[in-house]
């Protein structure tokens, strides 16, 4: 009989940083702390557990959050800020919530890796930018500074969701 290995989300060490740095250092550092906090909340869970909707009546899952955060990393940093000639991560014709709804526990590792890659590429896209750089958001300019603030809020909100889901999945609570 062949043993089947079940993927589990790896342990993550959250970075520390200079809490008195100027904002060009502080904002990316705080965003990276929130990103790693999200990944920390996934550590040790299998694909099945990540795909479990555990807070009824919500259908929100940790795997859905992984996919969603990968989508927003790409959308804000690469498509909007850097204006890279790439498509969206998920086909818009599948619906605006496809990232939350199309869950395959067997593809959890792939989704996790995509999030890590989108984070890396987002950081690369903004690395040399000035916080005063702006891009068009349709009705008004949006600065890189505001983008960092927006993404910090995005992760902070979803870290709260992840806390509740994780606690219901396996009883684990944490910072």
N, C-alpha and C. Protein backbone atom coordinates (compact mmCIF):
# COMPACT_ATOMS: atom_id res chain seq x y z
N UNK A 1 0.84 -1.18 0.00
CA UNK A 1 0.00 0.00 0.00
C UNK A 1 0.88 1.25 0.00
N UNK A 2 0.50 2.22 -0.79
CA UNK A 2 1.26 3.47 -0.89
C UNK A 2 0.70 4.46 0.12
N UNK A 3 1.59 5.04 0.90
CA UNK A 3 1.17 6.03 1.89
C UNK A 3 0.92 7.36 1.20
N UNK A 4 -0.22 7.96 1.50
CA UNK A 4 -0.56 9.25 0.92
C UNK A 4 -0.18 10.33 1.92
N UNK A 5 0.61 11.26 1.46
CA UNK A 5 1.01 12.37 2.33
C UNK A 5 -0.05 13.46 2.27
N UNK A 6 -0.48 13.91 3.40
CA UNK A 6 -1.45 14.99 3.47
C UNK A 6 -0.69 16.29 3.73
N UNK A 7 -0.90 17.25 2.86
CA UNK A 7 -0.25 18.55 3.03
C UNK A 7 -0.87 19.29 4.20
N UNK A 8 -0.02 19.93 4.97
CA UNK A 8 -0.49 20.83 6.02
C UNK A 8 0.23 22.15 5.87
N UNK A 9 -0.46 23.20 6.20
CA UNK A 9 0.13 24.54 6.12
C UNK A 9 1.32 24.62 7.07
N UNK A 10 2.44 25.17 6.60
CA UNK A 10 3.66 25.20 7.41
C UNK A 10 3.61 26.23 8.54
N UNK A 11 4.47 26.03 9.51
CA UNK A 11 4.66 27.01 10.58
C UNK A 11 5.26 28.28 9.97
N UNK A 12 4.94 29.40 10.55
CA UNK A 12 5.41 30.69 10.06
C UNK A 12 5.95 31.49 11.24
N UNK A 13 7.09 32.11 11.04
CA UNK A 13 7.65 33.00 12.04
C UNK A 13 7.28 34.42 11.65
N UNK A 14 6.63 35.10 12.57
CA UNK A 14 6.25 36.48 12.28
C UNK A 14 7.46 37.40 12.50
N UNK A 15 7.66 38.32 11.57
CA UNK A 15 8.81 39.22 11.69
C UNK A 15 8.58 40.29 12.74
N UNK A 16 9.66 40.79 13.25
CA UNK A 16 9.58 41.97 14.11
C UNK A 16 10.16 43.12 13.30
N UNK A 17 9.96 44.31 13.76
CA UNK A 17 10.48 45.44 13.01
C UNK A 17 10.62 46.65 13.90
N UNK A 18 11.18 47.68 13.34
CA UNK A 18 11.38 48.94 14.04
C UNK A 18 10.06 49.69 14.08
N UNK A 19 9.46 49.79 15.24
CA UNK A 19 8.16 50.45 15.37
C UNK A 19 8.26 51.98 15.39
N UNK A 20 9.47 52.49 15.27
CA UNK A 20 9.66 53.94 15.20
C UNK A 20 10.28 54.35 13.87
N UNK A 21 10.30 53.46 12.90
CA UNK A 21 10.89 53.75 11.59
C UNK A 21 10.04 54.78 10.85
N UNK A 22 10.63 55.39 9.81
CA UNK A 22 9.82 56.28 8.99
C UNK A 22 8.78 55.45 8.25
N UNK A 23 7.77 56.11 7.72
CA UNK A 23 6.63 55.36 7.18
C UNK A 23 6.97 54.54 5.94
N UNK A 24 8.02 54.88 5.21
CA UNK A 24 8.39 54.08 4.02
C UNK A 24 8.88 52.70 4.45
N UNK A 25 9.41 52.61 5.65
CA UNK A 25 9.81 51.32 6.22
C UNK A 25 8.67 50.73 7.03
N UNK A 26 8.01 51.56 7.82
CA UNK A 26 6.99 51.10 8.75
C UNK A 26 5.77 50.48 8.05
N UNK A 27 5.26 51.10 7.01
CA UNK A 27 4.05 50.59 6.36
C UNK A 27 4.26 49.20 5.73
N UNK A 28 5.31 48.98 4.93
CA UNK A 28 5.53 47.63 4.41
C UNK A 28 5.81 46.61 5.52
N UNK A 29 6.51 47.05 6.57
CA UNK A 29 6.81 46.15 7.69
C UNK A 29 5.53 45.72 8.40
N UNK A 30 4.63 46.66 8.62
CA UNK A 30 3.37 46.33 9.28
C UNK A 30 2.51 45.45 8.39
N UNK A 31 2.48 45.71 7.09
CA UNK A 31 1.75 44.85 6.17
C UNK A 31 2.32 43.43 6.21
N UNK A 32 3.64 43.32 6.19
CA UNK A 32 4.25 41.98 6.24
C UNK A 32 3.96 41.26 7.55
N UNK A 33 3.86 42.01 8.65
CA UNK A 33 3.50 41.39 9.92
C UNK A 33 2.07 40.84 9.84
N UNK A 34 1.16 41.61 9.26
CA UNK A 34 -0.22 41.13 9.12
C UNK A 34 -0.30 39.94 8.16
N UNK A 35 0.47 39.98 7.09
CA UNK A 35 0.50 38.84 6.17
C UNK A 35 0.97 37.58 6.90
N UNK A 36 2.05 37.70 7.63
CA UNK A 36 2.58 36.52 8.33
C UNK A 36 1.66 36.09 9.47
N UNK A 37 0.94 37.03 10.07
CA UNK A 37 -0.04 36.67 11.09
C UNK A 37 -1.14 35.82 10.47
N UNK A 38 -1.60 36.19 9.29
CA UNK A 38 -2.60 35.38 8.59
C UNK A 38 -2.05 33.98 8.34
N UNK A 39 -0.85 33.88 7.80
CA UNK A 39 -0.25 32.57 7.51
C UNK A 39 -0.06 31.77 8.79
N UNK A 40 0.29 32.45 9.88
CA UNK A 40 0.45 31.80 11.19
C UNK A 40 -0.85 31.14 11.63
N UNK A 41 -1.97 31.77 11.33
CA UNK A 41 -3.28 31.24 11.72
C UNK A 41 -3.65 29.98 10.94
N UNK A 42 -2.96 29.71 9.85
CA UNK A 42 -3.22 28.53 9.01
C UNK A 42 -2.34 27.34 9.39
N UNK A 43 -1.25 27.61 10.10
CA UNK A 43 -0.22 26.60 10.36
C UNK A 43 -0.79 25.34 10.99
N UNK A 44 -0.40 24.21 10.41
CA UNK A 44 -0.78 22.91 10.94
C UNK A 44 -2.10 22.37 10.44
N UNK A 45 -2.83 23.15 9.66
CA UNK A 45 -4.12 22.69 9.15
C UNK A 45 -3.95 22.01 7.79
N UNK A 46 -4.76 21.00 7.55
CA UNK A 46 -4.76 20.29 6.27
C UNK A 46 -5.63 21.05 5.27
N UNK A 47 -5.54 20.63 4.03
CA UNK A 47 -6.40 21.22 3.00
C UNK A 47 -7.87 21.07 3.34
N UNK A 48 -8.25 19.92 3.85
CA UNK A 48 -9.65 19.70 4.26
C UNK A 48 -10.07 20.70 5.33
N UNK A 49 -9.22 20.88 6.32
CA UNK A 49 -9.55 21.82 7.39
C UNK A 49 -9.63 23.25 6.86
N UNK A 50 -8.72 23.61 5.95
CA UNK A 50 -8.73 24.95 5.38
C UNK A 50 -10.00 25.20 4.57
N UNK A 51 -10.57 24.15 4.01
CA UNK A 51 -11.77 24.28 3.17
C UNK A 51 -13.06 24.14 3.98
N UNK A 52 -12.96 24.03 5.29
CA UNK A 52 -14.13 23.82 6.13
C UNK A 52 -14.79 25.15 6.51
N UNK A 53 -16.07 25.27 6.18
CA UNK A 53 -16.87 26.41 6.63
C UNK A 53 -17.36 26.06 8.03
N UNK A 54 -16.88 26.77 9.03
CA UNK A 54 -17.11 26.35 10.41
C UNK A 54 -17.88 27.35 11.27
N UNK A 55 -18.27 28.46 10.69
CA UNK A 55 -18.97 29.49 11.45
C UNK A 55 -20.32 29.78 10.78
N UNK A 56 -21.29 28.87 10.96
CA UNK A 56 -22.60 29.06 10.32
C UNK A 56 -23.27 30.34 10.79
N UNK A 57 -24.03 30.99 9.96
CA UNK A 57 -24.44 30.55 8.63
C UNK A 57 -23.46 30.95 7.53
N UNK A 58 -22.33 31.54 7.88
CA UNK A 58 -21.35 31.96 6.89
C UNK A 58 -20.73 30.75 6.19
N UNK A 59 -20.44 30.90 4.89
CA UNK A 59 -19.72 29.87 4.15
C UNK A 59 -18.24 30.21 4.03
N UNK A 60 -17.78 31.19 4.81
CA UNK A 60 -16.39 31.64 4.75
C UNK A 60 -15.46 30.54 5.26
N UNK A 61 -14.36 30.34 4.54
CA UNK A 61 -13.36 29.34 4.90
C UNK A 61 -11.97 29.97 4.87
N UNK A 62 -11.04 29.30 5.51
CA UNK A 62 -9.65 29.77 5.46
C UNK A 62 -9.09 29.64 4.04
N UNK A 63 -9.46 28.59 3.33
CA UNK A 63 -9.01 28.44 1.95
C UNK A 63 -9.58 29.56 1.08
N UNK A 64 -10.83 29.92 1.30
CA UNK A 64 -11.41 31.06 0.58
C UNK A 64 -10.65 32.34 0.86
N UNK A 65 -10.25 32.53 2.12
CA UNK A 65 -9.48 33.72 2.48
C UNK A 65 -8.10 33.70 1.82
N UNK A 66 -7.47 32.54 1.76
CA UNK A 66 -6.17 32.42 1.07
C UNK A 66 -6.32 32.88 -0.38
N UNK A 67 -7.32 32.35 -1.05
CA UNK A 67 -7.55 32.68 -2.46
C UNK A 67 -7.90 34.16 -2.63
N UNK A 68 -8.72 34.68 -1.73
CA UNK A 68 -9.13 36.09 -1.80
C UNK A 68 -7.93 37.02 -1.60
N UNK A 69 -7.10 36.72 -0.61
CA UNK A 69 -5.95 37.60 -0.35
C UNK A 69 -4.95 37.55 -1.50
N UNK A 70 -4.80 36.41 -2.13
CA UNK A 70 -3.93 36.34 -3.33
C UNK A 70 -4.49 37.24 -4.42
N UNK A 71 -5.82 37.19 -4.58
CA UNK A 71 -6.48 38.03 -5.60
C UNK A 71 -6.27 39.51 -5.31
N UNK A 72 -6.45 39.93 -4.06
CA UNK A 72 -6.32 41.36 -3.77
C UNK A 72 -4.87 41.82 -3.81
N UNK A 73 -3.92 40.97 -3.45
CA UNK A 73 -2.50 41.33 -3.61
C UNK A 73 -2.22 41.65 -5.08
N UNK A 74 -2.67 40.76 -5.97
CA UNK A 74 -2.44 40.96 -7.40
C UNK A 74 -3.17 42.21 -7.90
N UNK A 75 -4.44 42.32 -7.53
CA UNK A 75 -5.26 43.43 -8.02
C UNK A 75 -4.66 44.78 -7.62
N UNK A 76 -4.38 44.98 -6.35
CA UNK A 76 -3.96 46.30 -5.88
C UNK A 76 -2.52 46.64 -6.25
N UNK A 77 -1.60 45.73 -6.01
CA UNK A 77 -0.19 46.07 -6.24
C UNK A 77 0.23 45.93 -7.70
N UNK A 78 -0.19 44.87 -8.34
CA UNK A 78 0.32 44.61 -9.68
C UNK A 78 -0.56 45.19 -10.78
N UNK A 79 -1.87 45.00 -10.70
CA UNK A 79 -2.75 45.52 -11.74
C UNK A 79 -2.97 47.02 -11.60
N UNK A 80 -3.26 47.47 -10.38
CA UNK A 80 -3.57 48.90 -10.19
C UNK A 80 -2.30 49.74 -10.04
N UNK A 81 -1.53 49.49 -8.99
CA UNK A 81 -0.37 50.35 -8.73
C UNK A 81 0.68 50.26 -9.83
N UNK A 82 1.17 49.07 -10.14
CA UNK A 82 2.26 48.92 -11.10
C UNK A 82 1.77 48.86 -12.55
N UNK A 83 0.45 48.78 -12.76
CA UNK A 83 -0.14 48.72 -14.11
C UNK A 83 0.52 47.65 -14.97
N UNK A 84 0.79 46.49 -14.37
CA UNK A 84 1.39 45.39 -15.12
C UNK A 84 0.36 44.82 -16.08
N UNK A 85 0.85 44.39 -17.21
CA UNK A 85 -0.01 43.84 -18.25
C UNK A 85 -0.25 42.35 -17.99
N UNK A 86 -1.05 42.10 -16.94
CA UNK A 86 -1.40 40.74 -16.56
C UNK A 86 -2.91 40.70 -16.32
N UNK A 87 -3.45 39.53 -16.37
CA UNK A 87 -4.88 39.40 -16.12
C UNK A 87 -5.17 39.21 -14.65
N UNK A 88 -6.45 39.19 -14.31
CA UNK A 88 -6.84 38.93 -12.93
C UNK A 88 -6.51 37.48 -12.57
N UNK A 89 -6.41 37.20 -11.30
CA UNK A 89 -6.08 35.86 -10.84
C UNK A 89 -7.20 34.87 -11.16
N UNK A 90 -8.45 35.33 -11.03
CA UNK A 90 -9.61 34.48 -11.31
C UNK A 90 -10.47 35.15 -12.37
N UNK A 91 -11.07 34.36 -13.22
CA UNK A 91 -11.91 34.85 -14.31
C UNK A 91 -13.10 35.62 -13.75
N UNK A 92 -13.22 36.92 -14.04
CA UNK A 92 -14.35 37.70 -13.53
C UNK A 92 -15.71 37.15 -13.97
N UNK A 93 -15.76 36.44 -15.09
CA UNK A 93 -17.02 35.87 -15.56
C UNK A 93 -17.55 34.79 -14.62
N UNK A 94 -16.68 34.27 -13.75
CA UNK A 94 -17.09 33.24 -12.79
C UNK A 94 -17.75 33.84 -11.55
N UNK A 95 -17.77 35.17 -11.47
CA UNK A 95 -18.40 35.85 -10.35
C UNK A 95 -17.39 36.53 -9.45
N UNK A 96 -17.83 37.60 -8.81
CA UNK A 96 -16.90 38.38 -7.99
C UNK A 96 -16.44 37.63 -6.74
N UNK A 97 -17.18 36.62 -6.32
CA UNK A 97 -16.81 35.85 -5.14
C UNK A 97 -16.26 34.46 -5.46
N UNK A 98 -15.83 34.28 -6.70
CA UNK A 98 -15.30 32.98 -7.11
C UNK A 98 -14.14 32.54 -6.22
N UNK A 99 -13.32 33.49 -5.80
CA UNK A 99 -12.19 33.16 -4.93
C UNK A 99 -12.65 32.54 -3.62
N UNK A 100 -13.79 32.97 -3.11
CA UNK A 100 -14.33 32.42 -1.87
C UNK A 100 -15.09 31.12 -2.08
N UNK A 101 -15.62 30.93 -3.27
CA UNK A 101 -16.57 29.84 -3.51
C UNK A 101 -15.98 28.60 -4.17
N UNK A 102 -14.98 28.75 -4.99
CA UNK A 102 -14.41 27.61 -5.71
C UNK A 102 -13.32 26.97 -4.85
N UNK A 103 -13.75 26.08 -3.98
CA UNK A 103 -12.82 25.50 -3.00
C UNK A 103 -12.56 24.03 -3.30
N UNK A 104 -11.30 23.68 -3.43
CA UNK A 104 -10.90 22.30 -3.62
C UNK A 104 -9.79 22.03 -2.62
N UNK A 105 -10.11 21.24 -1.60
CA UNK A 105 -9.15 20.95 -0.53
C UNK A 105 -7.86 20.35 -1.08
N UNK A 106 -7.96 19.62 -2.17
CA UNK A 106 -6.77 19.01 -2.78
C UNK A 106 -5.85 20.05 -3.42
N UNK A 107 -6.35 21.26 -3.61
CA UNK A 107 -5.54 22.32 -4.21
C UNK A 107 -5.15 23.39 -3.19
N UNK A 108 -5.28 23.06 -1.91
CA UNK A 108 -4.94 24.03 -0.86
C UNK A 108 -3.47 24.43 -0.90
N UNK A 109 -2.58 23.46 -1.11
CA UNK A 109 -1.16 23.78 -1.17
C UNK A 109 -0.87 24.72 -2.34
N UNK A 110 -1.49 24.45 -3.47
CA UNK A 110 -1.31 25.31 -4.65
C UNK A 110 -1.81 26.72 -4.36
N UNK A 111 -2.98 26.84 -3.73
CA UNK A 111 -3.53 28.16 -3.39
C UNK A 111 -2.60 28.89 -2.42
N UNK A 112 -2.06 28.18 -1.45
CA UNK A 112 -1.13 28.75 -0.47
C UNK A 112 0.12 29.27 -1.20
N UNK A 113 0.67 28.45 -2.09
CA UNK A 113 1.85 28.86 -2.85
C UNK A 113 1.56 30.07 -3.75
N UNK A 114 0.37 30.12 -4.32
CA UNK A 114 0.00 31.28 -5.14
C UNK A 114 -0.04 32.53 -4.28
N UNK A 115 -0.59 32.44 -3.08
CA UNK A 115 -0.61 33.60 -2.19
C UNK A 115 0.82 34.05 -1.89
N UNK A 116 1.69 33.13 -1.55
CA UNK A 116 3.08 33.50 -1.26
C UNK A 116 3.73 34.18 -2.46
N UNK A 117 3.46 33.68 -3.66
CA UNK A 117 4.04 34.27 -4.87
C UNK A 117 3.44 35.66 -5.14
N UNK A 118 2.15 35.81 -4.95
CA UNK A 118 1.53 37.13 -5.14
C UNK A 118 2.07 38.14 -4.13
N UNK A 119 2.32 37.72 -2.91
CA UNK A 119 2.93 38.61 -1.91
C UNK A 119 4.32 39.02 -2.37
N UNK A 120 5.11 38.06 -2.83
CA UNK A 120 6.46 38.37 -3.30
C UNK A 120 6.42 39.35 -4.46
N UNK A 121 5.54 39.09 -5.41
CA UNK A 121 5.44 39.96 -6.58
C UNK A 121 4.88 41.34 -6.22
N UNK A 122 3.98 41.40 -5.27
CA UNK A 122 3.45 42.68 -4.80
C UNK A 122 4.57 43.51 -4.18
N UNK A 123 5.35 42.87 -3.33
CA UNK A 123 6.48 43.58 -2.70
C UNK A 123 7.47 44.07 -3.75
N UNK A 124 7.71 43.24 -4.74
CA UNK A 124 8.62 43.61 -5.83
C UNK A 124 8.06 44.81 -6.59
N UNK A 125 6.77 44.82 -6.85
CA UNK A 125 6.14 45.91 -7.62
C UNK A 125 6.24 47.24 -6.89
N UNK A 126 6.19 47.22 -5.57
CA UNK A 126 6.18 48.47 -4.79
C UNK A 126 7.54 48.83 -4.21
N UNK A 127 8.54 47.98 -4.36
CA UNK A 127 9.82 48.15 -3.68
C UNK A 127 10.50 49.49 -3.91
N UNK A 128 10.48 49.96 -5.12
CA UNK A 128 11.18 51.20 -5.45
C UNK A 128 10.26 52.41 -5.48
N UNK A 129 8.99 52.20 -5.17
CA UNK A 129 8.03 53.29 -5.26
C UNK A 129 8.11 54.28 -4.12
N UNK A 130 7.67 55.48 -4.41
CA UNK A 130 7.52 56.51 -3.39
C UNK A 130 6.10 56.40 -2.82
N UNK A 131 5.97 56.64 -1.53
CA UNK A 131 4.63 56.62 -0.94
C UNK A 131 3.72 57.66 -1.57
N UNK A 132 4.30 58.66 -2.21
CA UNK A 132 3.52 59.70 -2.87
C UNK A 132 3.14 59.34 -4.30
N UNK A 133 3.64 58.22 -4.84
CA UNK A 133 3.22 57.77 -6.17
C UNK A 133 1.71 57.57 -6.15
N UNK A 134 1.07 57.93 -7.26
CA UNK A 134 -0.38 57.73 -7.35
C UNK A 134 -0.73 56.93 -8.60
N UNK A 135 -1.89 56.34 -8.54
CA UNK A 135 -2.46 55.64 -9.69
C UNK A 135 -3.93 55.97 -9.72
N UNK A 136 -4.51 55.80 -10.90
CA UNK A 136 -5.91 56.16 -11.10
C UNK A 136 -6.82 55.05 -10.58
N UNK A 137 -7.75 55.42 -9.74
CA UNK A 137 -8.71 54.45 -9.22
C UNK A 137 -10.09 54.72 -9.81
N UNK A 138 -10.15 55.52 -10.83
CA UNK A 138 -11.42 55.80 -11.49
C UNK A 138 -11.89 57.22 -11.23
N UNK A 139 -12.22 57.51 -9.98
CA UNK A 139 -12.75 58.84 -9.69
C UNK A 139 -11.75 59.74 -8.97
N UNK A 140 -10.64 59.18 -8.50
CA UNK A 140 -9.64 60.00 -7.82
C UNK A 140 -8.32 59.24 -7.75
N UNK A 141 -7.23 59.99 -7.57
CA UNK A 141 -5.93 59.32 -7.45
C UNK A 141 -5.84 58.56 -6.12
N UNK A 142 -5.06 57.53 -6.11
CA UNK A 142 -4.85 56.66 -4.95
C UNK A 142 -3.34 56.56 -4.78
N UNK A 143 -2.81 56.83 -3.62
CA UNK A 143 -1.36 56.81 -3.42
C UNK A 143 -0.88 55.44 -2.95
N UNK A 144 0.41 55.20 -3.13
CA UNK A 144 1.01 53.98 -2.60
C UNK A 144 0.86 53.96 -1.08
N UNK A 145 0.96 55.10 -0.45
CA UNK A 145 0.75 55.20 1.00
C UNK A 145 -0.64 54.66 1.37
N UNK A 146 -1.67 55.13 0.65
CA UNK A 146 -3.03 54.68 0.94
C UNK A 146 -3.20 53.21 0.60
N UNK A 147 -2.50 52.73 -0.41
CA UNK A 147 -2.55 51.32 -0.76
C UNK A 147 -2.05 50.46 0.41
N UNK A 148 -0.92 50.85 1.00
CA UNK A 148 -0.42 50.11 2.16
C UNK A 148 -1.44 50.15 3.31
N UNK A 149 -2.00 51.31 3.57
CA UNK A 149 -2.99 51.42 4.64
C UNK A 149 -4.21 50.54 4.34
N UNK A 150 -4.66 50.57 3.10
CA UNK A 150 -5.80 49.74 2.70
C UNK A 150 -5.49 48.25 2.91
N UNK A 151 -4.32 47.81 2.48
CA UNK A 151 -3.98 46.38 2.59
C UNK A 151 -3.76 45.96 4.04
N UNK A 152 -3.22 46.84 4.87
CA UNK A 152 -3.10 46.54 6.30
C UNK A 152 -4.49 46.31 6.87
N UNK A 153 -5.44 47.16 6.52
CA UNK A 153 -6.81 46.99 6.97
C UNK A 153 -7.44 45.72 6.44
N UNK A 154 -7.16 45.40 5.18
CA UNK A 154 -7.69 44.17 4.57
C UNK A 154 -7.23 42.94 5.35
N UNK A 155 -5.93 42.88 5.62
CA UNK A 155 -5.41 41.73 6.37
C UNK A 155 -5.90 41.74 7.81
N UNK A 156 -5.96 42.89 8.45
CA UNK A 156 -6.43 42.96 9.84
C UNK A 156 -7.85 42.41 9.94
N UNK A 157 -8.70 42.82 9.03
CA UNK A 157 -10.10 42.34 9.02
C UNK A 157 -10.15 40.83 8.81
N UNK A 158 -9.40 40.34 7.84
CA UNK A 158 -9.44 38.91 7.55
C UNK A 158 -8.71 38.08 8.60
N UNK A 159 -7.76 38.68 9.32
CA UNK A 159 -7.14 37.96 10.44
C UNK A 159 -8.18 37.71 11.53
N UNK A 160 -9.09 38.65 11.73
CA UNK A 160 -10.18 38.44 12.67
C UNK A 160 -11.09 37.31 12.22
N UNK A 161 -11.42 37.30 10.94
CA UNK A 161 -12.22 36.19 10.40
C UNK A 161 -11.49 34.86 10.62
N UNK A 162 -10.19 34.86 10.31
CA UNK A 162 -9.41 33.63 10.44
C UNK A 162 -9.39 33.13 11.87
N UNK A 163 -9.34 34.03 12.84
CA UNK A 163 -9.38 33.62 14.25
C UNK A 163 -10.64 32.81 14.55
N UNK A 164 -11.79 33.34 14.13
CA UNK A 164 -13.05 32.66 14.42
C UNK A 164 -13.15 31.32 13.70
N UNK A 165 -12.78 31.29 12.44
CA UNK A 165 -12.86 30.06 11.67
C UNK A 165 -11.92 29.01 12.27
N UNK A 166 -10.69 29.41 12.54
CA UNK A 166 -9.69 28.47 13.09
C UNK A 166 -10.16 27.89 14.42
N UNK A 167 -10.70 28.73 15.28
CA UNK A 167 -11.15 28.23 16.58
C UNK A 167 -12.24 27.17 16.42
N UNK A 168 -13.13 27.38 15.45
CA UNK A 168 -14.19 26.40 15.22
C UNK A 168 -13.68 25.13 14.54
N UNK A 169 -12.62 25.24 13.74
CA UNK A 169 -12.08 24.08 13.03
C UNK A 169 -11.38 23.12 14.01
N UNK A 170 -10.50 23.67 14.87
CA UNK A 170 -9.72 22.77 15.74
C UNK A 170 -9.53 23.27 17.17
N UNK A 171 -10.23 24.34 17.52
CA UNK A 171 -10.14 24.83 18.90
C UNK A 171 -8.94 25.73 19.16
N UNK A 172 -8.08 25.89 18.17
CA UNK A 172 -6.88 26.70 18.36
C UNK A 172 -7.23 28.19 18.34
N UNK A 173 -6.74 28.90 19.31
CA UNK A 173 -6.86 30.35 19.31
C UNK A 173 -5.46 30.91 19.42
N UNK A 174 -5.28 32.10 18.97
CA UNK A 174 -3.95 32.65 19.04
C UNK A 174 -3.90 34.07 18.58
N UNK A 175 -2.77 34.65 18.79
CA UNK A 175 -2.55 36.04 18.44
C UNK A 175 -2.25 36.20 16.97
